[in-house]
Amino acid sequence: MLLNYRNFFMNERFLIGTSILRICIGLILLFNYFIHYKQRYFFWHESGINIYSAGYKSLTWSLYNLNSSALFFDFIYHLGIVVTIFYLIGYKGRLFSILTYLFFYSLYVRSFHISDGGDNLLIVNMFFLLFANNTAYFSFDSKLNSLHGKGSKQSLIYKLSIIIHNFAVLFCIIQLCIVYFFSGMYQLMGEMWQNGTALYYISQVREFSRPILDYMVNHYVGLTILFTYLSIIVKISFPFAVINKSLKPFVVIAMILFHAGIGIGMGLLTFSLIMIVMELLLFTDREYKKLYHFIKISFRKISITIRRKTRKLGYVSFQHKQILVFYDGWCPVCTNIKDNLYKLDYFRMLRLVSFRNSSLVQAYKLDVNELERRMHSFSMNDSSKIQRGIDSIAQICTRIPYLWWAVPFIIIFKKMGIGGYLYDYIASKRKVIPVGNCDDLCELQPKRVH
């Protein structure tokens, strides 16, 4: 048993979960910074609503206590935003984890009028996460480590950091289990929770309810009572269910739906988001990788099914919208783009042809020199209106739903007069490999082995 515990803490675990949690916490903190930006003086400055006595101020530490001027307050506030952005992208994770915690704690101690249980849980777990590795994935640090290589995995410091990381994540999980268990026990002791009327009385408090909650309570009384009892059962069973690998996904989904209901029905958005993202720590790296492969395979199957059905539909319904596109078959980049466009062309709106070896160039009386400079495209029903360069790119994007987002930018760049110049510059810098047309003097011709 001791050997199993040793192996558990000596191996890298929960790296994906902590990395995703870092991103989620960073987004939540930035949301708080920006959503209260215009009211920042009212909420957090000494002249605002959070007025406290000098004695209490001396007992609390905050960066905002160093100076009472509004200029200094703004400097610390905006610096906190910058620090949080670096924390979000995962640059110098250890350093910016500490700085983000200090800046958030400085606001947290001044937020007792607008704080909630989510802030309390977040400040505790952010302290534990100071000792965790939260930049192993989806971060600048992970990219830099892959380029320059990591240190020795056999070193004592590296092994010690793994142990500390695993203990930090374990403390966060234990904290989450304690919150759920005792929350459920306190609900169990409440009379309104015992008789199933708690949600009804919550819906009568305007500050903590939304119209959707009031509607559900008035029209679905049975479901309201059922959800009341289920919330108690799931919370109390949560610490025991997460230990079981088979029950863990179901209890996590139940808690996510529970907090989503709180966010929608009671309007406690940040509290619900914090509680939901903390669930991300419960899954191991292996479980995340299995989920990723499952989603990837499922998406591929769905994509293939949709592609087959839409292409059959496209032949009939969108044949009059089909365009003929001449690309450079000697350009490797152009060929790769052609392959990707073919995958995205669900409705078969594009017919992509290389002008290098196509008889259609002569049939449509096109200028080869002009084709080398710019991509050409035109409707199969009307070959007289030929689109060139950036206009041809726009014509392609309008026919592929995945690329609709690019159409406004293309139009703007074209109106500004830089779209055509930008296209011509990129096209002139492409590499051209004359496939099948090299002679003995061609530099790309491979050496012959005699």
Protein backbone atom coordinates (compact mmCIF):
# COMPACT_ATOMS: atom_id res chain seq x y z
CA MET A 1 0.00 0.00 0.00
CA LEU A 2 2.82 2.40 0.88
CA LEU A 3 4.49 1.59 -2.44
CA ASN A 4 1.29 2.49 -4.29
CA TYR A 5 1.11 5.84 -2.50
CA ARG A 6 4.76 6.46 -3.31
CA ASN A 7 4.24 5.72 -7.00
CA PHE A 8 1.15 7.94 -7.03
CA PHE A 9 2.98 11.02 -5.78
CA MET A 10 6.26 10.35 -7.64
CA ASN A 11 4.66 10.40 -11.13
CA GLU A 12 3.43 13.43 -13.05
CA ARG A 13 -0.33 13.74 -12.74
CA PHE A 14 -3.10 16.33 -13.20
CA LEU A 15 -0.95 18.46 -15.55
CA ILE A 16 -3.67 18.95 -18.17
CA GLY A 17 -6.30 19.75 -15.53
CA THR A 18 -4.16 22.39 -13.83
CA SER A 19 -3.25 23.92 -17.19
CA ILE A 20 -6.89 24.23 -18.23
CA LEU A 21 -7.75 25.54 -14.77
CA ARG A 22 -5.06 28.24 -15.13
CA ILE A 23 -6.70 29.45 -18.34
CA CYS A 24 -10.18 29.43 -16.80
CA ILE A 25 -9.05 31.28 -13.66
CA GLY A 26 -7.26 33.87 -15.79
CA LEU A 27 -10.40 34.47 -17.86
CA ILE A 28 -12.57 34.77 -14.73
CA LEU A 29 -10.18 37.26 -13.15
CA LEU A 30 -10.03 39.34 -16.33
CA PHE A 31 -13.82 39.23 -16.48
CA ASN A 32 -13.97 40.64 -12.94
CA TYR A 33 -11.41 43.33 -13.75
CA PHE A 34 -13.23 44.52 -16.87
CA ILE A 35 -16.86 44.05 -15.80
CA HIS A 36 -16.25 46.31 -12.78
CA TYR A 37 -13.87 48.67 -14.55
CA LYS A 38 -16.11 51.74 -14.45
CA GLN A 39 -17.14 51.03 -10.82
CA ARG A 40 -13.63 50.17 -9.56
CA TYR A 41 -13.41 53.27 -7.34
CA PHE A 42 -16.85 52.63 -5.87
CA PHE A 43 -16.05 49.00 -5.03
CA TRP A 44 -12.38 48.97 -4.07
CA HIS A 45 -11.01 52.46 -3.48
CA GLU A 46 -10.85 53.83 0.08
CA SER A 47 -13.43 56.45 -0.82
CA GLY A 48 -15.87 53.82 -2.09
CA ILE A 49 -18.39 51.52 -0.46
CA ASN A 50 -15.80 49.27 1.17
CA ILE A 51 -14.97 51.72 3.97
CA TYR A 52 -13.38 50.15 7.01
CA SER A 53 -11.81 51.40 10.16
CA ALA A 54 -8.12 52.16 10.50
CA GLY A 55 -7.76 49.27 12.93
CA TYR A 56 -9.16 46.77 10.40
CA LYS A 57 -6.99 48.25 7.66
CA SER A 58 -3.87 47.64 9.73
CA LEU A 59 -4.85 43.97 10.13
CA THR A 60 -5.29 43.30 6.39
CA TRP A 61 -2.57 43.30 3.76
CA SER A 62 -3.26 44.72 0.33
CA LEU A 63 -1.23 46.39 -2.38
CA TYR A 64 -3.87 49.11 -2.43
CA ASN A 65 -3.08 49.97 1.20
CA LEU A 66 0.38 51.28 0.26
CA ASN A 67 -1.04 54.55 -0.98
CA SER A 68 -4.50 56.10 -0.92
CA SER A 69 -4.21 58.21 -4.07
CA ALA A 70 -6.42 57.45 -7.06
CA LEU A 71 -3.39 57.50 -9.38
CA PHE A 72 -1.67 54.75 -7.39
CA PHE A 73 -4.92 52.80 -7.28
CA ASP A 74 -5.20 52.94 -11.08
CA PHE A 75 -1.57 51.90 -11.47
CA ILE A 76 -2.02 48.80 -9.29
CA TYR A 77 -5.37 47.97 -10.88
CA HIS A 78 -4.06 48.11 -14.46
CA LEU A 79 -0.86 46.33 -13.48
CA GLY A 80 -3.04 43.55 -12.07
CA ILE A 81 -4.70 43.22 -15.49
CA VAL A 82 -1.32 42.92 -17.22
CA VAL A 83 -0.10 40.34 -14.69
CA THR A 84 -3.29 38.31 -15.14
CA ILE A 85 -2.83 38.27 -18.93
CA PHE A 86 0.70 36.85 -18.52
CA TYR A 87 -0.72 34.31 -16.08
CA LEU A 88 -3.43 33.39 -18.58
CA ILE A 89 -1.01 32.72 -21.46
CA GLY A 90 1.30 30.74 -19.18
CA TYR A 91 4.50 32.78 -19.38
CA LYS A 92 6.91 32.29 -16.45
CA GLY A 93 4.24 30.31 -14.65
CA ARG A 94 5.81 30.22 -11.19
CA LEU A 95 6.46 33.96 -11.07
CA PHE A 96 3.14 35.14 -12.49
CA SER A 97 1.15 32.65 -10.41
CA ILE A 98 2.52 34.37 -7.29
CA LEU A 99 1.95 37.86 -8.69
CA THR A 100 -1.60 37.05 -9.85
CA TYR A 101 -2.42 35.69 -6.41
CA LEU A 102 -1.08 38.84 -4.71
CA PHE A 103 -3.02 41.19 -7.00
CA PHE A 104 -6.24 39.20 -6.68
CA TYR A 105 -5.84 38.91 -2.90
CA SER A 106 -5.41 42.70 -2.75
CA LEU A 107 -8.88 43.08 -4.29
CA TYR A 108 -10.34 40.15 -2.36
CA VAL A 109 -9.73 41.73 1.06
CA ARG A 110 -11.59 44.83 -0.12
CA SER A 111 -14.53 42.91 -1.64
CA PHE A 112 -16.44 41.89 1.46
CA HIS A 113 -19.57 43.74 0.29
CA ILE A 114 -19.66 42.07 -3.14
CA SER A 115 -17.87 38.80 -2.45
CA ASP A 116 -19.42 35.31 -2.61
CA GLY A 117 -18.46 31.74 -1.84
CA GLY A 118 -16.73 31.40 -5.19
CA ASP A 119 -14.19 34.08 -4.29
CA ASN A 120 -13.46 32.32 -1.00
CA LEU A 121 -12.86 28.98 -2.68
CA LEU A 122 -10.81 30.60 -5.44
CA ILE A 123 -8.44 32.44 -3.09
CA VAL A 124 -7.78 29.24 -1.11
CA ASN A 125 -7.16 27.09 -4.19
CA MET A 126 -5.04 29.74 -5.91
CA PHE A 127 -2.73 29.57 -2.89
CA PHE A 128 -2.44 25.78 -3.26
CA LEU A 129 -1.87 26.15 -7.01
CA LEU A 130 1.18 28.33 -6.34
CA PHE A 131 2.99 25.05 -5.70
CA ALA A 132 1.55 23.26 -8.75
CA ASN A 133 2.82 23.11 -12.32
CA ASN A 134 0.05 24.80 -14.28
CA THR A 135 1.98 25.58 -17.48
CA ALA A 136 2.77 22.05 -18.67
CA TYR A 137 0.15 22.40 -21.45
CA PHE A 138 -1.39 25.23 -23.48
CA SER A 139 1.21 27.81 -22.44
CA PHE A 140 4.23 29.75 -23.60
CA ASP A 141 6.36 27.89 -21.08
CA SER A 142 5.47 24.53 -22.63
CA LYS A 143 6.41 25.83 -26.08
CA LEU A 144 9.73 27.17 -24.81
CA ASN A 145 10.47 23.90 -23.01
CA SER A 146 9.78 21.91 -26.18
CA LEU A 147 12.17 24.13 -28.14
CA HIS A 148 15.02 24.29 -25.62
CA GLY A 149 14.43 21.01 -23.82
CA LYS A 150 13.65 20.36 -20.18
CA GLY A 151 16.05 19.71 -17.38
CA SER A 152 16.95 16.25 -16.18
CA LYS A 153 13.95 14.27 -14.96
CA GLN A 154 16.20 12.33 -12.63
CA SER A 155 17.30 15.32 -10.60
CA LEU A 156 16.21 15.64 -6.99
CA ILE A 157 14.66 19.07 -7.57
CA TYR A 158 12.52 17.78 -10.44
CA LYS A 159 11.25 14.82 -8.41
CA LEU A 160 10.54 17.09 -5.46
CA SER A 161 8.57 19.47 -7.68
CA ILE A 162 6.42 16.56 -8.89
CA ILE A 163 5.61 15.54 -5.31
CA ILE A 164 4.75 19.11 -4.32
CA HIS A 165 2.58 19.50 -7.45
CA ASN A 166 0.60 16.34 -6.71
CA PHE A 167 0.08 17.33 -3.07
CA ALA A 168 -1.08 20.83 -4.13
CA VAL A 169 -3.68 19.37 -6.49
CA LEU A 170 -4.75 16.88 -3.81
CA PHE A 171 -5.29 19.72 -1.33
CA CYS A 172 -7.48 21.53 -3.91
CA ILE A 173 -9.57 18.38 -4.41
CA ILE A 174 -9.91 17.87 -0.65
CA GLN A 175 -10.97 21.51 -0.26
CA LEU A 176 -13.62 21.05 -2.94
CA CYS A 177 -14.91 17.87 -1.27
CA ILE A 178 -15.09 19.62 2.11
CA VAL A 179 -17.10 22.48 0.60
CA TYR A 180 -19.61 20.14 -1.02
CA PHE A 181 -19.95 17.77 1.95
CA PHE A 182 -20.53 20.41 4.61
CA SER A 183 -22.74 22.43 2.28
CA GLY A 184 -24.92 19.36 1.82
CA MET A 185 -24.94 18.67 5.58
CA TYR A 186 -26.03 22.24 6.37
CA GLN A 187 -28.80 21.92 3.77
CA LEU A 188 -29.87 18.64 5.36
CA MET A 189 -30.27 20.39 8.71
CA GLY A 190 -32.46 23.14 7.24
CA GLU A 191 -36.22 22.76 7.55
CA MET A 192 -36.95 24.23 4.12
CA TRP A 193 -34.53 21.79 2.50
CA GLN A 194 -36.08 18.91 4.40
CA ASN A 195 -39.61 19.62 3.20
CA GLY A 196 -38.45 20.50 -0.36
CA THR A 197 -39.53 24.16 -0.38
CA ALA A 198 -36.06 25.78 -0.38
CA LEU A 199 -36.05 26.60 -4.10
CA TYR A 200 -39.49 28.17 -3.78
CA TYR A 201 -38.34 30.57 -1.06
CA ILE A 202 -35.17 31.36 -3.01
CA SER A 203 -37.31 32.30 -6.01
CA GLN A 204 -39.17 34.83 -3.83
CA VAL A 205 -35.95 36.79 -3.09
CA ARG A 206 -35.47 39.18 -6.00
CA GLU A 207 -31.78 39.73 -5.28
CA PHE A 208 -31.02 36.00 -5.70
CA SER A 209 -33.46 34.83 -8.34
CA ARG A 210 -34.21 35.32 -12.01
CA PRO A 211 -37.54 35.04 -13.87
CA ILE A 212 -36.63 31.58 -15.19
CA LEU A 213 -36.37 30.23 -11.62
CA ASP A 214 -39.71 31.76 -10.68
CA TYR A 215 -41.28 30.24 -13.80
CA MET A 216 -39.93 26.77 -13.03
CA VAL A 217 -41.10 26.90 -9.40
CA ASN A 218 -44.62 27.98 -10.38
CA HIS A 219 -45.09 25.56 -13.28
CA TYR A 220 -43.03 22.50 -12.32
CA VAL A 221 -43.52 21.95 -8.60
CA GLY A 222 -42.58 18.26 -8.74
CA LEU A 223 -39.27 18.96 -10.49
CA THR A 224 -38.52 21.74 -8.01
CA ILE A 225 -38.90 19.37 -5.06
CA LEU A 226 -36.87 16.68 -6.87
CA PHE A 227 -33.99 19.08 -7.63
CA THR A 228 -34.02 20.24 -4.00
CA TYR A 229 -33.45 16.72 -2.68
CA LEU A 230 -31.02 15.77 -5.47
CA SER A 231 -28.77 18.74 -4.67
CA ILE A 232 -28.42 17.48 -1.07
CA ILE A 233 -27.78 13.87 -2.09
CA VAL A 234 -25.19 14.74 -4.76
CA LYS A 235 -23.27 17.12 -2.50
CA ILE A 236 -23.04 14.71 0.44
CA SER A 237 -22.07 11.80 -1.82
CA PHE A 238 -19.58 13.85 -3.85
CA PRO A 239 -16.41 13.11 -1.76
CA PHE A 240 -17.13 9.38 -1.92
CA ALA A 241 -18.27 9.22 -5.55
CA VAL A 242 -15.18 10.93 -7.00
CA ILE A 243 -13.00 8.12 -5.65
CA ASN A 244 -14.84 5.65 -7.89
CA LYS A 245 -13.72 5.98 -11.53
CA SER A 246 -17.09 4.75 -12.81
CA LEU A 247 -19.17 7.20 -10.76
CA LYS A 248 -16.85 10.20 -11.06
CA PRO A 249 -17.97 11.39 -14.54
CA PHE A 250 -21.63 11.25 -13.54
CA VAL A 251 -21.24 13.11 -10.25
CA VAL A 252 -19.08 15.76 -11.94
CA ILE A 253 -21.67 16.26 -14.69
CA ALA A 254 -24.37 16.49 -12.02
CA MET A 255 -22.44 19.21 -10.15
CA ILE A 256 -21.74 21.12 -13.37
CA LEU A 257 -25.46 21.10 -14.22
CA PHE A 258 -26.26 22.10 -10.64
CA HIS A 259 -23.98 25.14 -10.75
CA ALA A 260 -25.12 26.01 -14.27
CA GLY A 261 -28.65 26.10 -12.85
CA ILE A 262 -27.45 28.42 -10.06
CA GLY A 263 -25.80 30.71 -12.59
CA ILE A 264 -28.92 30.87 -14.78
CA GLY A 265 -31.63 30.75 -12.10
CA MET A 266 -29.99 32.84 -9.38
CA GLY A 267 -27.68 35.03 -11.46
CA LEU A 268 -24.53 34.08 -9.49
CA LEU A 269 -22.39 33.94 -12.61
CA THR A 270 -18.84 34.13 -11.25
CA PHE A 271 -19.66 31.82 -8.32
CA SER A 272 -21.02 29.20 -10.72
CA LEU A 273 -18.07 29.54 -13.10
CA ILE A 274 -15.53 29.17 -10.30
CA MET A 275 -17.25 26.07 -8.90
CA ILE A 276 -17.51 24.52 -12.37
CA VAL A 277 -13.87 25.09 -13.35
CA MET A 278 -12.66 23.63 -10.06
CA GLU A 279 -14.18 20.33 -11.19
CA LEU A 280 -11.52 20.19 -13.91
CA LEU A 281 -8.91 19.07 -11.38
CA LEU A 282 -10.71 15.81 -10.70
CA PHE A 283 -9.67 14.17 -13.97
CA THR A 284 -6.23 12.73 -14.63
CA ASP A 285 -4.12 13.33 -17.73
CA ARG A 286 -4.97 9.86 -19.04
CA GLU A 287 -8.69 10.57 -18.71
CA TYR A 288 -8.31 13.90 -20.54
CA LYS A 289 -6.42 12.20 -23.36
CA LYS A 290 -9.08 9.51 -23.66
CA LEU A 291 -11.75 12.21 -23.81
CA TYR A 292 -9.77 14.11 -26.45
CA HIS A 293 -9.40 11.03 -28.66
CA PHE A 294 -13.09 10.19 -28.22
CA ILE A 295 -14.13 13.72 -29.25
CA LYS A 296 -11.67 13.70 -32.15
CA ILE A 297 -12.94 10.37 -33.51
CA SER A 298 -16.57 11.36 -32.98
CA PHE A 299 -16.06 14.70 -34.72
CA ARG A 300 -14.34 12.96 -37.62
CA LYS A 301 -17.24 10.51 -38.01
CA ILE A 302 -19.81 13.30 -37.83
CA SER A 303 -17.78 15.42 -40.24
CA ILE A 304 -17.53 12.58 -42.77
CA THR A 305 -21.27 11.90 -42.49
CA ILE A 306 -22.16 15.56 -42.97
CA ARG A 307 -19.70 15.87 -45.83
CA ARG A 308 -21.21 12.93 -47.69
CA LYS A 309 -24.77 14.13 -47.26
CA THR A 310 -24.06 17.78 -48.06
CA ARG A 311 -22.04 16.92 -51.14
CA LYS A 312 -24.93 14.88 -52.50
CA LEU A 313 -27.18 17.85 -51.73
CA GLY A 314 -24.65 20.24 -53.24
CA TYR A 315 -24.68 18.54 -56.62
CA VAL A 316 -28.42 19.22 -56.90
CA SER A 317 -29.08 22.42 -54.96
CA PHE A 318 -25.90 24.45 -55.40
CA GLN A 319 -24.69 23.42 -58.83
CA HIS A 320 -25.47 26.86 -60.24
CA LYS A 321 -23.21 28.41 -57.56
CA GLN A 322 -20.19 26.23 -58.37
CA ILE A 323 -17.03 28.06 -59.38
CA LEU A 324 -13.93 26.97 -61.27
CA VAL A 325 -10.67 27.93 -59.55
CA PHE A 326 -7.26 27.86 -61.26
CA TYR A 327 -4.40 27.43 -58.80
CA ASP A 328 -0.64 26.86 -59.22
CA GLY A 329 0.02 23.12 -59.12
CA TRP A 330 3.78 23.73 -58.93
CA CYS A 331 3.40 25.62 -55.63
CA PRO A 332 3.49 23.23 -52.60
CA VAL A 333 1.71 25.77 -50.38
CA CYS A 334 -1.03 26.26 -52.97
CA THR A 335 -1.44 22.49 -53.26
CA ASN A 336 -1.82 22.14 -49.47
CA ILE A 337 -4.40 24.93 -49.42
CA LYS A 338 -6.25 23.17 -52.23
CA ASP A 339 -6.37 19.94 -50.22
CA ASN A 340 -7.69 21.77 -47.14
CA LEU A 341 -10.31 23.60 -49.19
CA TYR A 342 -11.47 20.29 -50.60
CA LYS A 343 -11.99 18.97 -47.05
CA LEU A 344 -13.99 22.06 -46.06
CA ASP A 345 -16.03 22.18 -49.26
CA TYR A 346 -19.03 20.26 -47.91
CA PHE A 347 -21.41 21.46 -50.63
CA ARG A 348 -19.02 20.89 -53.56
CA MET A 349 -19.08 24.53 -54.53
CA LEU A 350 -15.48 24.56 -55.74
CA ARG A 351 -13.77 22.90 -58.68
CA LEU A 352 -10.04 23.36 -58.21
CA VAL A 353 -7.80 22.88 -61.25
CA SER A 354 -4.08 23.46 -61.74
CA PHE A 355 -3.44 25.76 -64.68
CA ARG A 356 -0.03 24.13 -65.20
CA ASN A 357 -1.40 20.98 -66.81
CA SER A 358 -4.97 21.73 -67.75
CA SER A 359 -6.48 22.04 -71.19
CA LEU A 360 -9.14 24.30 -69.68
CA VAL A 361 -6.69 27.22 -69.82
CA GLN A 362 -6.77 27.16 -73.61
CA ALA A 363 -10.47 26.35 -73.73
CA TYR A 364 -11.30 29.48 -71.70
CA LYS A 365 -8.58 31.52 -73.47
CA LEU A 366 -6.78 32.53 -70.28
CA ASP A 367 -3.39 34.23 -70.10
CA VAL A 368 -0.83 31.87 -68.48
CA ASN A 369 1.40 34.75 -67.39
CA GLU A 370 -1.54 36.37 -65.60
CA LEU A 371 -2.43 33.03 -64.01
CA GLU A 372 1.11 32.81 -62.62
CA ARG A 373 0.66 36.17 -60.94
CA ARG A 374 -2.87 35.78 -59.55
CA MET A 375 -5.40 33.03 -58.86
CA HIS A 376 -8.38 33.08 -61.24
CA SER A 377 -11.93 31.95 -60.58
CA PHE A 378 -15.32 32.32 -62.23
CA SER A 379 -18.78 30.83 -62.11
CA MET A 380 -19.32 27.65 -64.12
CA ASN A 381 -22.47 29.22 -65.58
CA ASP A 382 -20.86 32.53 -66.50
CA SER A 383 -17.18 32.44 -67.49
CA SER A 384 -17.19 36.06 -68.65
CA LYS A 385 -16.92 37.48 -65.09
CA ILE A 386 -13.44 36.38 -64.05
CA GLN A 387 -12.27 37.16 -60.52
CA ARG A 388 -8.55 37.58 -59.90
CA GLY A 389 -6.33 37.67 -56.83
CA ILE A 390 -8.01 38.93 -53.66
CA ASP A 391 -11.42 38.90 -55.42
CA SER A 392 -10.95 35.20 -56.14
CA ILE A 393 -10.14 34.57 -52.46
CA ALA A 394 -13.36 36.37 -51.48
CA GLN A 395 -15.34 34.29 -53.98
CA ILE A 396 -13.96 31.09 -52.40
CA CYS A 397 -14.62 32.19 -48.82
CA THR A 398 -18.26 33.05 -49.52
CA ARG A 399 -18.85 29.44 -50.58
CA ILE A 400 -17.33 27.74 -47.54
CA PRO A 401 -19.18 28.32 -44.22
CA TYR A 402 -16.03 27.79 -42.17
CA LEU A 403 -14.43 30.79 -43.92
CA TRP A 404 -17.32 33.24 -43.71
CA TRP A 405 -15.60 35.01 -40.81
CA ALA A 406 -12.81 36.10 -43.21
CA VAL A 407 -15.14 37.77 -45.76
CA PRO A 408 -15.61 41.08 -43.81
CA PHE A 409 -11.84 41.45 -43.37
CA ILE A 410 -11.23 40.81 -47.08
CA ILE A 411 -13.82 43.44 -48.01
CA ILE A 412 -12.31 45.96 -45.58
CA PHE A 413 -8.77 45.37 -46.86
CA LYS A 414 -10.00 45.68 -50.42
CA LYS A 415 -11.80 48.96 -49.70
CA MET A 416 -8.67 50.28 -48.03
CA GLY A 417 -6.69 49.45 -51.13
CA ILE A 418 -4.19 47.16 -49.44
CA GLY A 419 -5.89 43.80 -50.13
CA GLY A 420 -4.62 43.52 -53.69
CA TYR A 421 -1.09 44.65 -52.80
CA LEU A 422 -0.94 42.18 -49.91
CA TYR A 423 -2.10 39.31 -52.11
CA ASP A 424 0.40 40.17 -54.87
CA TYR A 425 3.24 40.36 -52.35
CA ILE A 426 2.45 36.96 -50.84
CA ALA A 427 1.95 35.39 -54.27
CA SER A 428 5.31 36.73 -55.51
CA LYS A 429 7.11 35.16 -52.53
CA ARG A 430 5.73 31.64 -53.04
CA LYS A 431 8.06 28.82 -54.01
CA VAL A 432 7.46 27.21 -57.38
CA ILE A 433 8.71 23.69 -58.09
CA PRO A 434 8.29 22.75 -61.79
CA VAL A 435 7.11 19.20 -61.21
CA GLY A 436 7.92 16.91 -64.14
CA ASN A 437 9.57 19.72 -66.13
CA CYS A 438 13.20 19.64 -64.94
CA ASP A 439 16.03 18.83 -67.32
CA ASP A 440 19.64 17.88 -66.56
CA LEU A 441 20.54 21.50 -65.79
CA CYS A 442 17.70 21.99 -63.28
CA GLU A 443 18.97 22.60 -59.73
CA LEU A 444 16.08 20.63 -58.29
CA GLN A 445 16.90 17.54 -60.36
CA PRO A 446 18.16 14.75 -58.03
CA LYS A 447 21.66 13.43 -58.63
CA ARG A 448 21.85 10.26 -60.69
CA VAL A 449 23.52 7.26 -59.11
CA HIS A 450 25.79 5.49 -61.59
